Each structure stands twice: as structure tokens, then as C-alpha cells.
Amino acid sequence: SAHPGAEIVIVPEGPDMADRVIAESCEAGDVAVTADIPLAARVIAAGGRVVRPDGMALGPGNIGPALAARDLAADLRAADPFRQGRSRAFGAAERRRFLDALERALRGL
């Protein structure tokens, strides 16, 4: 294999099937990189660690507030269909912050 330790998994079609497969296969010692907060919560519940692409580490101590903020943002968008989310640019500083957080998560294992 070109990437030892990597595995290609093809999941059934359906809503959130990839998230379900990831969460069900996650165990203590795994690290997931995701911006998907509900998936992050499932990974954390399974004992895994989560690093968001922006470099923020999520764990048992901060996943609850992250879920609440996500739900609040969804409610605000639903109340105002003209409200647009704004993504920040991903540059060198963001890349460095992500790589540092990922390294900390991996070393913490």
C-alpha cells in the first residue's frame, strides 16, 4: 500500500453513513480530524481525540459548549434565511495551529 496504516472504506449510501462508520469504528487512542461537531462528540464518547481543521482540540471538557454553539448557530440561520456564514481564510497561521494541535494530540497518546 502507498500509505501503510491507511485503509479505504466504502460505506453504504445514506445520510450521515460515513459519520456513522467513523464513529462506530473509533476507539480510545484514535485521533479524528473533523469540523463536524456531532461527529466529534461521537468520537469523544468512544474515547477518541478530535482536532478541528482550525487547530482547536475538542474533548470531554469542551464538546458540550461546542454542540450548544453549533445548535444556536443553526437556529439563528433558520430564523434568518438571509444570514450568511463567513468562513475565515486558511493561511499559514491556521495551518501551523492545526499541525501543532495534531502533533499534541498524537503525542498525548
C-alpha atoms as a PDB file:
ATOM      1  CA  SER A   1       0.000   0.000   0.000  1.00  0.00           C
ATOM      2  CA  ALA A   2       1.162   3.525  -0.722  1.00  0.00           C
ATOM      3  CA  HIS A   3       0.076   4.577   2.783  1.00  0.00           C
ATOM      4  CA  PRO A   4       0.811   1.925   5.437  1.00  0.00           C
ATOM      5  CA  GLY A   5      -1.775   2.023   8.201  1.00  0.00           C
ATOM      6  CA  ALA A   6      -4.360   3.677   5.975  1.00  0.00           C
ATOM      7  CA  GLU A   7      -7.489   1.871   4.933  1.00  0.00           C
ATOM      8  CA  ILE A   8     -10.051   2.758   2.277  1.00  0.00           C
ATOM      9  CA  VAL A   9     -13.586   2.098   3.482  1.00  0.00           C
ATOM     10  CA  ILE A  10     -16.592   2.328   1.192  1.00  0.00           C
ATOM     11  CA  VAL A  11     -19.796   2.988   3.130  1.00  0.00           C
ATOM     12  CA  PRO A  12     -23.419   2.406   2.141  1.00  0.00           C
ATOM     13  CA  GLU A  13     -25.324   5.350   0.711  1.00  0.00           C
ATOM     14  CA  GLY A  14     -27.461   7.335   3.078  1.00  0.00           C
ATOM     15  CA  PRO A  15     -27.484  10.366   5.330  1.00  0.00           C
ATOM     16  CA  ASP A  16     -24.501  10.522   7.675  1.00  0.00           C
ATOM     17  CA  MET A  17     -23.413   6.963   6.835  1.00  0.00           C
ATOM     18  CA  ALA A  18     -19.731   7.941   6.675  1.00  0.00           C
ATOM     19  CA  ASP A  19     -20.042   9.619  10.093  1.00  0.00           C
ATOM     20  CA  ARG A  20     -21.744   6.516  11.485  1.00  0.00           C
ATOM     21  CA  VAL A  21     -18.987   4.212  10.211  1.00  0.00           C
ATOM     22  CA  ILE A  22     -16.260   6.503  11.552  1.00  0.00           C
ATOM     23  CA  ALA A  23     -17.915   6.800  14.975  1.00  0.00           C
ATOM     24  CA  GLU A  24     -18.619   3.077  15.259  1.00  0.00           C
ATOM     25  CA  SER A  25     -15.051   2.139  14.401  1.00  0.00           C
ATOM     26  CA  CYS A  26     -13.460   4.742  16.680  1.00  0.00           C
ATOM     27  CA  GLU A  27     -11.846   3.650  19.923  1.00  0.00           C
ATOM     28  CA  ALA A  28      -9.539   5.013  22.594  1.00  0.00           C
ATOM     29  CA  GLY A  29      -6.276   6.152  21.064  1.00  0.00           C
ATOM     30  CA  ASP A  30      -7.777   7.214  17.733  1.00  0.00           C
ATOM     31  CA  VAL A  31      -7.500  10.792  16.514  1.00  0.00           C
ATOM     32  CA  ALA A  32     -10.103  12.275  14.176  1.00  0.00           C
ATOM     33  CA  VAL A  33      -9.703  15.481  12.220  1.00  0.00           C
ATOM     34  CA  THR A  34     -13.129  16.987  11.650  1.00  0.00           C
ATOM     35  CA  ALA A  35     -15.094  20.224  11.753  1.00  0.00           C
ATOM     36  CA  ASP A  36     -18.306  18.201  12.187  1.00  0.00           C
ATOM     37  CA  ILE A  37     -19.268  18.799  15.823  1.00  0.00           C
ATOM     38  CA  PRO A  38     -21.807  15.943  16.170  1.00  0.00           C
ATOM     39  CA  LEU A  39     -19.240  13.523  14.714  1.00  0.00           C
ATOM     40  CA  ALA A  40     -16.637  14.932  17.102  1.00  0.00           C
ATOM     41  CA  ALA A  41     -18.985  14.255  20.030  1.00  0.00           C
ATOM     42  CA  ARG A  42     -19.385  10.635  18.937  1.00  0.00           C
ATOM     43  CA  VAL A  43     -15.620  10.170  18.551  1.00  0.00           C
ATOM     44  CA  ILE A  44     -15.016  11.658  22.005  1.00  0.00           C
ATOM     45  CA  ALA A  45     -17.717   9.442  23.537  1.00  0.00           C
ATOM     46  CA  ALA A  46     -15.877   6.439  22.064  1.00  0.00           C
ATOM     47  CA  GLY A  47     -12.643   7.562  23.747  1.00  0.00           C
ATOM     48  CA  GLY A  48     -11.012   9.177  20.725  1.00  0.00           C
ATOM     49  CA  ARG A  49      -9.447  12.594  20.396  1.00  0.00           C
ATOM     50  CA  VAL A  50     -10.571  15.296  17.982  1.00  0.00           C
ATOM     51  CA  VAL A  51      -8.692  18.118  16.304  1.00  0.00           C
ATOM     52  CA  ARG A  52     -10.617  20.600  14.191  1.00  0.00           C
ATOM     53  CA  PRO A  53      -9.006  21.904  10.984  1.00  0.00           C
ATOM     54  CA  ASP A  54      -8.608  25.300  12.695  1.00  0.00           C
ATOM     55  CA  GLY A  55      -6.364  23.662  15.316  1.00  0.00           C
ATOM     56  CA  MET A  56      -8.855  23.596  18.175  1.00  0.00           C
ATOM     57  CA  ALA A  57      -8.737  20.368  20.160  1.00  0.00           C
ATOM     58  CA  LEU A  58     -12.109  19.039  21.296  1.00  0.00           C
ATOM     59  CA  GLY A  59     -12.546  16.748  24.269  1.00  0.00           C
ATOM     60  CA  PRO A  60     -14.928  15.882  27.082  1.00  0.00           C
ATOM     61  CA  GLY A  61     -14.382  19.293  28.687  1.00  0.00           C
ATOM     62  CA  ASN A  62     -15.413  21.432  25.725  1.00  0.00           C
ATOM     63  CA  ILE A  63     -17.586  19.317  23.406  1.00  0.00           C
ATOM     64  CA  GLY A  64     -20.803  20.278  25.248  1.00  0.00           C
ATOM     65  CA  PRO A  65     -20.364  24.021  24.680  1.00  0.00           C
ATOM     66  CA  ALA A  66     -19.280  23.338  21.071  1.00  0.00           C
ATOM     67  CA  LEU A  67     -22.507  21.375  20.457  1.00  0.00           C
ATOM     68  CA  ALA A  68     -24.554  24.156  22.059  1.00  0.00           C
ATOM     69  CA  ALA A  69     -22.864  26.824  19.904  1.00  0.00           C
ATOM     70  CA  ARG A  70     -23.484  24.732  16.785  1.00  0.00           C
ATOM     71  CA  ASP A  71     -27.168  24.347  17.655  1.00  0.00           C
ATOM     72  CA  LEU A  72     -27.505  28.068  18.381  1.00  0.00           C
ATOM     73  CA  ALA A  73     -25.898  28.960  15.041  1.00  0.00           C
ATOM     74  CA  ALA A  74     -28.265  26.552  13.246  1.00  0.00           C
ATOM     75  CA  ASP A  75     -31.260  28.156  14.998  1.00  0.00           C
ATOM     76  CA  LEU A  76     -30.072  31.645  14.041  1.00  0.00           C
ATOM     77  CA  ARG A  77     -29.628  30.610  10.396  1.00  0.00           C
ATOM     78  CA  ALA A  78     -33.104  29.044  10.368  1.00  0.00           C
ATOM     79  CA  ALA A  79     -34.626  32.238  11.815  1.00  0.00           C
ATOM     80  CA  ASP A  80     -32.928  34.457   9.216  1.00  0.00           C
ATOM     81  CA  PRO A  81     -32.553  32.736   5.840  1.00  0.00           C
ATOM     82  CA  PHE A  82     -30.541  35.712   4.547  1.00  0.00           C
ATOM     83  CA  ARG A  83     -27.903  35.317   7.253  1.00  0.00           C
ATOM     84  CA  GLN A  84     -24.717  34.035   5.671  1.00  0.00           C
ATOM     85  CA  GLY A  85     -21.916  32.294   7.483  1.00  0.00           C
ATOM     86  CA  ARG A  86     -18.474  33.644   6.821  1.00  0.00           C
ATOM     87  CA  SER A  87     -15.501  31.351   6.616  1.00  0.00           C
ATOM     88  CA  ARG A  88     -12.131  32.718   7.513  1.00  0.00           C
ATOM     89  CA  ALA A  89      -9.260  32.252   5.098  1.00  0.00           C
ATOM     90  CA  PHE A  90      -6.993  29.267   5.776  1.00  0.00           C
ATOM     91  CA  GLY A  91      -3.454  30.536   5.626  1.00  0.00           C
ATOM     92  CA  ALA A  92      -0.029  29.782   7.052  1.00  0.00           C
ATOM     93  CA  ALA A  93      -1.012  30.689  10.635  1.00  0.00           C
ATOM     94  CA  GLU A  94      -4.052  28.392  10.530  1.00  0.00           C
ATOM     95  CA  ARG A  95      -2.002  25.577   9.041  1.00  0.00           C
ATOM     96  CA  ARG A  96       0.644  25.959  11.745  1.00  0.00           C
ATOM     97  CA  ARG A  97      -2.037  25.996  14.501  1.00  0.00           C
ATOM     98  CA  PHE A  98      -3.623  22.827  13.061  1.00  0.00           C
ATOM     99  CA  LEU A  99      -0.303  20.991  12.763  1.00  0.00           C
ATOM    100  CA  ASP A 100       0.654  21.934  16.337  1.00  0.00           C
ATOM    101  CA  ALA A 101      -2.702  20.712  17.680  1.00  0.00           C
ATOM    102  CA  LEU A 102      -2.484  17.470  15.705  1.00  0.00           C
ATOM    103  CA  GLU A 103       1.033  16.808  16.970  1.00  0.00           C
ATOM    104  CA  ARG A 104      -0.072  17.453  20.574  1.00  0.00           C
ATOM    105  CA  ALA A 105      -2.989  15.019  20.144  1.00  0.00           C
ATOM    106  CA  LEU A 106      -0.739  12.327  18.705  1.00  0.00           C
ATOM    107  CA  ARG A 107       1.965  12.799  21.329  1.00  0.00           C
ATOM    108  CA  GLY A 108      -0.716  12.644  24.039  1.00  0.00           C
ATOM    109  CA  LEU A 109      -1.434   9.063  23.079  1.00  0.00           C
END
